[in-house]
N, C-alpha and C. Protein backbone atom coordinates (compact mmCIF):
# COMPACT_ATOMS: atom_id res chain seq x y z
N MET A 1 37.69 -46.31 19.77
CA MET A 1 38.24 -45.21 19.79
C MET A 1 38.34 -44.69 18.23
N LYS A 2 37.73 -43.40 17.82
CA LYS A 2 38.00 -42.97 16.56
C LYS A 2 39.21 -42.34 16.51
N ILE A 3 39.98 -42.62 15.46
CA ILE A 3 41.26 -42.05 15.28
C ILE A 3 41.08 -40.54 14.43
N THR A 4 41.32 -39.47 15.21
CA THR A 4 41.01 -38.24 14.44
C THR A 4 42.36 -37.63 13.93
N LYS A 5 42.27 -36.42 13.35
CA LYS A 5 43.60 -35.99 12.73
C LYS A 5 44.58 -35.72 13.83
N GLU A 6 43.92 -35.10 15.20
CA GLU A 6 44.85 -34.77 16.11
C GLU A 6 45.57 -35.80 16.84
N ILE A 7 44.95 -36.81 16.85
CA ILE A 7 45.67 -38.19 17.41
C ILE A 7 46.84 -38.56 16.38
N ARG A 8 46.33 -38.56 15.15
CA ARG A 8 47.38 -38.97 14.22
C ARG A 8 48.50 -38.03 14.19
N ARG A 9 48.31 -36.60 14.26
CA ARG A 9 49.39 -35.65 14.55
C ARG A 9 50.34 -36.06 15.87
N GLU A 10 49.59 -36.16 16.87
CA GLU A 10 50.44 -36.56 17.96
C GLU A 10 51.14 -37.80 17.96
N LYS A 11 50.85 -38.68 17.30
CA LYS A 11 51.45 -40.10 17.07
C LYS A 11 52.83 -39.68 16.31
N ARG A 12 52.70 -38.81 15.09
CA ARG A 12 53.79 -38.14 14.25
C ARG A 12 54.69 -37.52 15.31
N HIS A 13 54.34 -36.90 16.09
CA HIS A 13 55.02 -35.87 16.96
C HIS A 13 55.77 -36.70 17.71
N LEU A 14 55.17 -37.73 18.42
CA LEU A 14 56.04 -38.79 19.31
C LEU A 14 57.26 -39.35 18.37
N ARG A 15 56.72 -39.71 17.46
CA ARG A 15 57.85 -40.48 16.61
C ARG A 15 58.77 -39.56 16.15
N VAL A 16 58.68 -38.24 15.93
CA VAL A 16 59.76 -37.38 15.70
C VAL A 16 60.53 -37.06 16.98
N ARG A 17 59.96 -37.08 18.16
CA ARG A 17 60.53 -36.69 19.38
C ARG A 17 61.47 -37.86 19.85
N LYS A 18 61.30 -39.01 19.52
CA LYS A 18 62.34 -39.99 19.76
C LYS A 18 63.75 -39.69 19.29
N LYS A 19 63.64 -38.88 18.25
CA LYS A 19 64.99 -38.72 17.62
C LYS A 19 65.56 -37.22 17.92
N ILE A 20 64.65 -36.48 18.25
CA ILE A 20 65.11 -35.06 18.58
C ILE A 20 65.01 -34.68 20.07
N SER A 21 66.26 -34.05 20.46
CA SER A 21 65.86 -33.41 21.94
C SER A 21 66.86 -32.27 22.04
N GLY A 22 66.46 -31.40 22.69
CA GLY A 22 67.37 -30.00 23.06
C GLY A 22 68.18 -30.04 23.86
N THR A 23 69.34 -29.57 24.06
CA THR A 23 70.39 -29.25 25.09
C THR A 23 70.32 -27.69 25.59
N LEU A 24 70.92 -27.46 26.49
CA LEU A 24 70.91 -26.11 26.98
C LEU A 24 71.67 -25.32 25.63
N GLU A 25 72.87 -25.74 25.14
CA GLU A 25 73.66 -25.18 24.12
C GLU A 25 72.89 -25.11 22.75
N ILE A 26 72.12 -26.24 22.56
CA ILE A 26 71.21 -26.24 21.29
C ILE A 26 69.88 -26.83 21.78
N PRO A 27 69.29 -25.78 21.99
CA PRO A 27 67.64 -26.09 22.52
C PRO A 27 67.04 -26.49 21.24
N ARG A 28 65.64 -26.94 21.60
CA ARG A 28 64.73 -27.37 20.64
C ARG A 28 63.66 -26.56 20.34
N VAL A 29 63.36 -25.98 19.13
CA VAL A 29 62.07 -25.05 18.85
C VAL A 29 60.85 -26.16 18.70
N VAL A 30 59.95 -25.87 19.30
CA VAL A 30 58.66 -26.51 19.19
C VAL A 30 57.53 -25.47 18.59
N VAL A 31 57.07 -25.98 17.53
CA VAL A 31 55.92 -25.29 16.91
C VAL A 31 54.48 -26.06 17.23
N PHE A 32 53.49 -25.20 17.59
CA PHE A 32 52.10 -25.58 17.68
C PHE A 32 51.37 -24.71 16.97
N ARG A 33 50.26 -25.19 16.14
CA ARG A 33 49.71 -24.31 14.94
C ARG A 33 48.17 -24.77 15.52
N SER A 34 47.42 -23.68 15.81
CA SER A 34 45.97 -23.79 16.04
C SER A 34 45.24 -23.10 14.84
N ASN A 35 44.07 -23.15 14.84
CA ASN A 35 43.49 -22.56 13.54
C ASN A 35 43.50 -21.14 13.38
N LYS A 36 43.76 -20.49 14.53
CA LYS A 36 43.83 -19.03 14.57
C LYS A 36 45.16 -18.45 14.80
N HIS A 37 46.16 -19.40 15.66
CA HIS A 37 47.45 -18.78 15.97
C HIS A 37 48.52 -19.74 15.96
N LEU A 38 49.77 -19.20 16.05
CA LEU A 38 50.96 -19.87 15.84
C LEU A 38 51.66 -19.78 17.07
N TYR A 39 52.11 -20.74 17.63
CA TYR A 39 52.82 -20.77 18.84
C TYR A 39 54.34 -21.44 18.74
N ALA A 40 55.39 -20.88 19.17
CA ALA A 40 56.72 -21.38 19.26
C ALA A 40 57.40 -21.30 20.50
N SER A 41 57.97 -22.39 21.16
CA SER A 41 58.64 -22.48 22.16
C SER A 41 60.00 -22.72 22.04
N LEU A 42 60.86 -22.45 23.09
CA LEU A 42 62.38 -22.85 23.12
C LEU A 42 62.55 -23.76 24.19
N VAL A 43 62.94 -24.96 24.07
CA VAL A 43 62.99 -25.98 25.03
C VAL A 43 64.29 -26.69 25.39
N ASN A 44 64.44 -26.77 26.89
CA ASN A 44 65.83 -27.56 27.05
C ASN A 44 65.20 -28.90 27.72
N ASP A 45 65.55 -30.04 27.07
CA ASP A 45 65.14 -31.41 27.46
C ASP A 45 66.13 -31.89 28.39
N ASP A 46 67.14 -31.41 28.61
CA ASP A 46 68.19 -32.06 29.57
C ASP A 46 67.67 -31.88 31.04
N GLU A 47 66.94 -31.09 31.22
CA GLU A 47 66.44 -30.91 32.67
C GLU A 47 65.03 -31.61 32.79
N SER A 48 64.73 -32.23 33.92
CA SER A 48 63.83 -33.03 34.18
C SER A 48 62.71 -32.21 35.27
N PRO A 49 61.64 -31.97 34.79
CA PRO A 49 60.87 -32.01 33.53
C PRO A 49 61.52 -30.62 32.68
N SER A 50 61.34 -30.87 31.20
CA SER A 50 61.71 -30.01 30.31
C SER A 50 61.39 -28.80 30.61
N ARG A 51 62.48 -27.79 30.53
CA ARG A 51 62.36 -26.28 30.85
C ARG A 51 62.15 -25.62 29.68
N VAL A 52 60.89 -24.66 29.53
CA VAL A 52 60.84 -23.70 28.48
C VAL A 52 61.62 -22.63 28.62
N LEU A 53 62.60 -22.20 27.79
CA LEU A 53 63.37 -21.18 27.93
C LEU A 53 62.69 -19.75 27.33
N LEU A 54 61.78 -19.78 26.30
CA LEU A 54 61.30 -18.87 25.66
C LEU A 54 59.97 -19.07 24.86
N THR A 55 59.02 -18.29 24.79
CA THR A 55 57.86 -18.51 23.99
C THR A 55 57.47 -17.34 23.22
N VAL A 56 57.20 -17.80 21.87
CA VAL A 56 56.57 -16.33 21.25
C VAL A 56 55.54 -16.91 20.57
N SER A 57 54.48 -16.01 20.32
CA SER A 57 53.13 -16.61 19.74
C SER A 57 52.67 -15.41 18.95
N SER A 58 51.46 -15.74 17.87
CA SER A 58 50.93 -14.61 17.24
C SER A 58 50.19 -13.68 18.10
N LEU A 59 50.00 -14.12 19.44
CA LEU A 59 49.39 -13.31 20.50
C LEU A 59 50.33 -12.35 21.35
N SER A 60 51.56 -12.53 21.04
CA SER A 60 52.55 -11.74 21.79
C SER A 60 52.43 -10.14 21.64
N PRO A 61 52.47 -9.53 22.76
CA PRO A 61 52.51 -8.00 22.69
C PRO A 61 53.21 -7.22 21.71
N GLU A 62 54.33 -7.61 21.38
CA GLU A 62 55.27 -7.05 20.25
C GLU A 62 54.56 -7.22 19.01
N LEU A 63 53.77 -8.26 18.56
CA LEU A 63 53.17 -8.39 17.55
C LEU A 63 51.76 -7.70 17.48
N ARG A 64 50.93 -7.47 18.50
CA ARG A 64 49.77 -7.10 18.55
C ARG A 64 49.62 -5.55 18.69
N GLU A 65 50.87 -4.90 18.81
CA GLU A 65 50.58 -3.50 19.02
C GLU A 65 50.73 -3.02 17.63
N ASN A 66 51.43 -3.57 16.66
CA ASN A 66 51.41 -3.11 15.24
C ASN A 66 50.83 -3.93 14.31
N LYS A 67 49.59 -4.42 14.72
CA LYS A 67 48.75 -5.25 14.01
C LYS A 67 48.07 -4.74 12.87
N THR A 68 48.16 -5.26 11.53
CA THR A 68 47.64 -4.71 10.36
C THR A 68 46.50 -6.06 9.97
N ASP A 69 45.93 -5.70 9.06
CA ASP A 69 44.96 -6.51 8.48
C ASP A 69 45.73 -7.89 8.07
N LYS A 70 46.52 -7.83 7.36
CA LYS A 70 47.42 -9.09 6.94
C LYS A 70 47.86 -9.65 7.74
N LEU A 71 48.43 -9.21 9.12
CA LEU A 71 49.04 -9.83 10.26
C LEU A 71 48.16 -10.60 11.01
N LYS A 72 47.96 -11.80 10.51
CA LYS A 72 47.01 -12.69 11.47
C LYS A 72 47.83 -14.01 11.96
N GLY A 73 47.52 -14.71 12.95
CA GLY A 73 47.93 -15.99 13.27
C GLY A 73 47.91 -17.10 12.38
N TYR A 74 46.76 -16.92 11.68
CA TYR A 74 46.46 -18.02 10.71
C TYR A 74 46.79 -18.02 9.36
N ASN A 75 47.66 -16.96 8.94
CA ASN A 75 48.42 -16.88 7.58
C ASN A 75 49.85 -16.97 7.63
N VAL A 76 50.26 -17.08 6.39
CA VAL A 76 51.66 -17.12 6.29
C VAL A 76 52.38 -15.63 6.75
N GLU A 77 51.90 -14.75 6.33
CA GLU A 77 52.31 -13.47 6.64
C GLU A 77 52.60 -13.26 8.19
N GLY A 78 51.50 -13.82 9.03
CA GLY A 78 51.64 -13.76 10.50
C GLY A 78 52.63 -14.66 10.98
N ALA A 79 52.87 -15.81 10.37
CA ALA A 79 53.95 -16.77 10.65
C ALA A 79 55.29 -16.36 10.64
N LYS A 80 55.39 -15.57 9.35
CA LYS A 80 56.94 -14.72 9.14
C LYS A 80 57.07 -14.20 10.32
N LYS A 81 56.12 -13.22 10.57
CA LYS A 81 56.34 -12.38 11.84
C LYS A 81 56.68 -12.91 12.89
N VAL A 82 56.15 -13.93 13.25
CA VAL A 82 56.33 -14.86 14.53
C VAL A 82 57.81 -15.45 14.38
N GLY A 83 58.27 -15.76 13.35
CA GLY A 83 59.65 -16.33 13.06
C GLY A 83 60.56 -15.39 13.41
N GLU A 84 60.34 -14.06 12.80
CA GLU A 84 61.24 -13.06 12.99
C GLU A 84 61.43 -12.60 14.18
N LEU A 85 60.29 -12.48 15.04
CA LEU A 85 60.33 -12.20 16.43
C LEU A 85 61.07 -13.20 17.48
N PHE A 86 60.79 -14.59 16.98
CA PHE A 86 61.49 -15.48 17.77
C PHE A 86 62.90 -15.66 17.51
N ALA A 87 63.50 -15.18 16.30
CA ALA A 87 64.82 -15.07 15.96
C ALA A 87 65.52 -14.09 16.75
N LYS A 88 64.94 -12.91 16.89
CA LYS A 88 65.41 -11.83 17.53
C LYS A 88 65.45 -12.06 18.90
N LYS A 89 64.45 -12.67 19.52
CA LYS A 89 64.53 -12.96 21.05
C LYS A 89 65.65 -14.03 21.22
N CYS A 90 65.91 -15.20 20.32
CA CYS A 90 66.82 -15.96 20.57
C CYS A 90 68.19 -15.48 20.59
N ILE A 91 68.35 -14.69 19.78
CA ILE A 91 69.81 -14.08 19.43
C ILE A 91 69.88 -12.99 20.76
N GLU A 92 69.17 -12.38 21.22
CA GLU A 92 69.35 -11.77 22.48
C GLU A 92 69.60 -12.24 23.54
N LYS A 93 69.26 -13.89 23.46
CA LYS A 93 69.33 -14.60 24.71
C LYS A 93 70.86 -15.11 24.50
N GLY A 94 71.41 -15.11 23.39
CA GLY A 94 72.56 -15.59 23.08
C GLY A 94 72.48 -17.15 22.58
N ILE A 95 71.41 -17.52 21.97
CA ILE A 95 71.13 -18.63 21.17
C ILE A 95 71.29 -18.45 19.67
N LYS A 96 72.14 -19.41 19.02
CA LYS A 96 72.17 -19.09 17.62
C LYS A 96 71.96 -20.42 16.96
N GLN A 97 72.08 -21.63 17.57
CA GLN A 97 71.72 -22.76 16.91
C GLN A 97 70.68 -23.49 17.67
N VAL A 98 69.86 -24.20 16.86
CA VAL A 98 68.54 -24.81 17.56
C VAL A 98 68.31 -25.82 16.74
N VAL A 99 67.31 -26.94 17.34
CA VAL A 99 67.09 -28.10 16.62
C VAL A 99 65.44 -27.89 16.54
N PHE A 100 65.03 -28.09 15.13
CA PHE A 100 63.47 -27.60 14.87
C PHE A 100 62.67 -29.00 14.84
N ASP A 101 61.61 -28.90 15.69
CA ASP A 101 60.54 -29.74 15.94
C ASP A 101 59.34 -29.23 15.42
N ARG A 102 58.79 -29.85 14.35
CA ARG A 102 57.54 -29.25 13.43
C ARG A 102 56.26 -29.67 14.19
N GLY A 103 56.50 -30.37 15.38
CA GLY A 103 55.30 -30.99 16.14
C GLY A 103 54.46 -31.78 15.27
N GLY A 104 54.81 -32.58 14.39
CA GLY A 104 53.84 -33.39 13.77
C GLY A 104 53.17 -32.99 12.66
N TYR A 105 53.34 -31.80 12.36
CA TYR A 105 52.73 -31.13 11.18
C TYR A 105 53.65 -31.18 10.02
N ARG A 106 52.87 -31.17 8.65
CA ARG A 106 53.92 -31.10 7.52
C ARG A 106 54.53 -29.90 7.43
N TYR A 107 55.74 -30.05 6.67
CA TYR A 107 56.74 -28.82 6.52
C TYR A 107 56.13 -28.12 5.39
N GLY A 108 55.23 -27.16 5.52
CA GLY A 108 54.66 -26.34 4.54
C GLY A 108 53.76 -25.29 5.19
N GLY A 109 53.28 -24.36 4.35
CA GLY A 109 52.58 -23.10 4.81
C GLY A 109 53.07 -22.52 5.90
N ARG A 110 52.45 -22.41 7.01
CA ARG A 110 52.92 -21.64 8.18
C ARG A 110 54.03 -21.99 8.98
N VAL A 111 54.10 -23.37 8.99
CA VAL A 111 55.14 -24.06 9.59
C VAL A 111 56.65 -23.56 8.89
N ARG A 112 56.38 -23.91 7.55
CA ARG A 112 57.65 -23.41 6.72
C ARG A 112 57.98 -22.22 6.75
N ALA A 113 57.11 -21.13 6.70
CA ALA A 113 57.15 -19.73 6.63
C ALA A 113 57.88 -19.36 8.00
N PHE A 114 57.58 -19.90 9.01
CA PHE A 114 58.01 -19.49 10.46
C PHE A 114 59.55 -20.08 10.44
N ALA A 115 59.73 -21.25 9.95
CA ALA A 115 60.99 -21.71 9.97
C ALA A 115 62.16 -20.99 8.88
N GLU A 116 61.44 -20.44 7.73
CA GLU A 116 62.30 -19.85 7.05
C GLU A 116 62.68 -18.39 7.36
N SER A 117 61.71 -17.73 8.10
CA SER A 117 62.06 -16.45 8.60
C SER A 117 62.87 -16.46 9.61
N ALA A 118 62.93 -17.40 10.60
CA ALA A 118 63.68 -17.52 11.77
C ALA A 118 65.30 -17.81 11.24
N ARG A 119 65.37 -18.52 10.17
CA ARG A 119 66.67 -18.67 9.58
C ARG A 119 67.16 -17.36 8.93
N LYS A 120 66.25 -16.65 8.54
CA LYS A 120 66.56 -15.30 7.94
C LYS A 120 67.07 -14.28 9.16
N GLY A 121 66.43 -14.68 10.23
CA GLY A 121 66.68 -13.68 11.27
C GLY A 121 68.05 -14.28 12.16
N GLY A 122 68.69 -15.32 11.48
CA GLY A 122 70.06 -15.74 12.09
C GLY A 122 70.09 -16.82 13.05
N LEU A 123 69.01 -17.66 12.99
CA LEU A 123 69.18 -18.96 13.76
C LEU A 123 69.56 -19.99 12.72
N LYS A 124 70.33 -20.98 13.09
CA LYS A 124 70.90 -21.92 12.39
C LYS A 124 70.06 -23.36 12.81
N PHE A 125 69.65 -23.93 11.90
CA PHE A 125 68.67 -25.35 12.30
C PHE A 125 69.62 -26.37 11.99
């Protein structure tokens, strides 16, 4: 079997997931990055199976209605907007502290822009 980039990323993600887990008080933020979009979910790992509390993506209706040319899911500006919306929705649910799971991706580019804008929005990592 040929080891692809995706398989290497999944291995890194599993290595990180051994150390990180989310609870109801401090849930886990999972980031998935595709070529065109960015997805972020809030997960409670205490329940079996893990329960998704909230999901926001670059395809969310709140972001799609005021779409500009620069606001895409595959650029840093779009990731910042997703992070701001994610933080806003978490604060509305009463969640202020989270654990960040970068999903095996390097902490840079869109992943970093998402995390920093979520921090600016009021979340504590």
